Amino acid sequence: MKEDTKKFLKELLSGGYKASTIGMSLVLAIFIGAFFGYLLDNYFGTSYFFKIVGLIVGIIAGFRNVYIIGKKYK
């Protein structure tokens, strides 16, 4: 393989790694927040309050993680 091709593939895979890291961080934070909201709803016997609160906290945590990772890669 030519050196230019190797360099291009290395940069391409590095960018894919960064994108997947950011996406997984966002999705996992949202799912974890929603899951804890679900558990709290079952524990306290409420219907939707903690699910919504957990989802909102998960979304906030996910975007905070995206911001922190974005600053690190900048």
Protein backbone atom coordinates (compact mmCIF):
# COMPACT_ATOMS: atom_id res chain seq x y z
CA MET A 1 0.00 0.00 0.00
CA LYS A 2 1.10 3.54 -0.65
CA GLU A 3 1.92 5.81 2.28
CA ASP A 4 -0.85 8.24 1.29
CA THR A 5 -3.42 5.44 1.37
CA LYS A 6 -2.22 4.25 4.77
CA LYS A 7 -2.38 7.77 6.16
CA PHE A 8 -5.88 8.30 4.75
CA LEU A 9 -7.17 5.03 6.24
CA LYS A 10 -5.63 5.83 9.61
CA GLU A 11 -7.33 9.25 9.70
CA LEU A 12 -10.63 7.75 8.52
CA LEU A 13 -10.66 5.09 11.23
CA SER A 14 -9.63 7.61 13.87
CA GLY A 15 -12.59 9.83 12.93
CA GLY A 16 -14.95 6.87 13.07
CA TYR A 17 -13.67 6.00 16.52
CA LYS A 18 -14.30 9.52 17.76
CA ALA A 19 -17.80 9.62 16.31
CA SER A 20 -18.75 6.27 17.79
CA THR A 21 -17.39 7.30 21.20
CA ILE A 22 -19.51 10.44 21.20
CA GLY A 23 -22.62 8.58 20.05
CA MET A 24 -22.26 5.77 22.58
CA SER A 25 -21.71 8.27 25.38
CA LEU A 26 -24.90 10.11 24.48
CA VAL A 27 -27.07 7.02 24.06
CA LEU A 28 -25.84 5.24 27.19
CA ALA A 29 -26.40 8.28 29.39
CA ILE A 30 -29.98 8.62 28.14
CA PHE A 31 -30.73 4.92 28.64
CA ILE A 32 -29.20 4.87 32.12
CA GLY A 33 -31.22 7.92 33.17
CA ALA A 34 -34.44 6.43 31.81
CA PHE A 35 -33.72 3.07 33.46
CA PHE A 36 -33.19 4.63 36.89
CA GLY A 37 -36.38 6.63 36.41
CA TYR A 38 -38.20 3.39 35.62
CA LEU A 39 -36.79 1.74 38.75
CA LEU A 40 -37.78 4.69 40.92
CA ASP A 41 -41.29 4.68 39.47
CA ASN A 42 -41.67 1.01 40.35
CA TYR A 43 -40.23 1.54 43.84
CA PHE A 44 -42.42 4.52 44.76
CA GLY A 45 -45.49 3.38 42.83
CA THR A 46 -45.81 6.49 40.69
CA SER A 47 -46.81 6.29 37.07
CA TYR A 48 -44.63 8.63 34.96
CA PHE A 49 -43.01 11.27 37.15
CA PHE A 50 -39.63 9.64 37.77
CA LYS A 51 -39.47 8.23 34.24
CA ILE A 52 -39.69 11.73 32.82
CA VAL A 53 -37.26 13.14 35.37
CA GLY A 54 -34.80 10.29 34.72
CA LEU A 55 -35.07 10.80 30.98
CA ILE A 56 -34.43 14.54 31.28
CA VAL A 57 -31.45 13.97 33.59
CA GLY A 58 -30.11 11.36 31.15
CA ILE A 59 -30.43 13.76 28.22
CA ILE A 60 -28.65 16.51 30.14
CA ALA A 61 -25.87 14.13 31.19
CA GLY A 62 -25.52 12.83 27.62
CA PHE A 63 -25.10 16.27 26.11
CA ARG A 64 -22.69 17.21 28.89
CA ASN A 65 -20.59 14.18 27.94
CA VAL A 66 -20.72 15.19 24.27
CA TYR A 67 -19.53 18.69 25.22
CA ILE A 68 -16.65 17.35 27.33
CA ILE A 69 -15.54 14.85 24.66
CA GLY A 70 -15.82 17.54 21.99
CA LYS A 71 -13.53 19.83 23.99
CA LYS A 72 -11.04 16.99 24.41
CA TYR A 73 -10.89 16.22 20.68
CA LYS A 74 -10.69 19.89 19.69
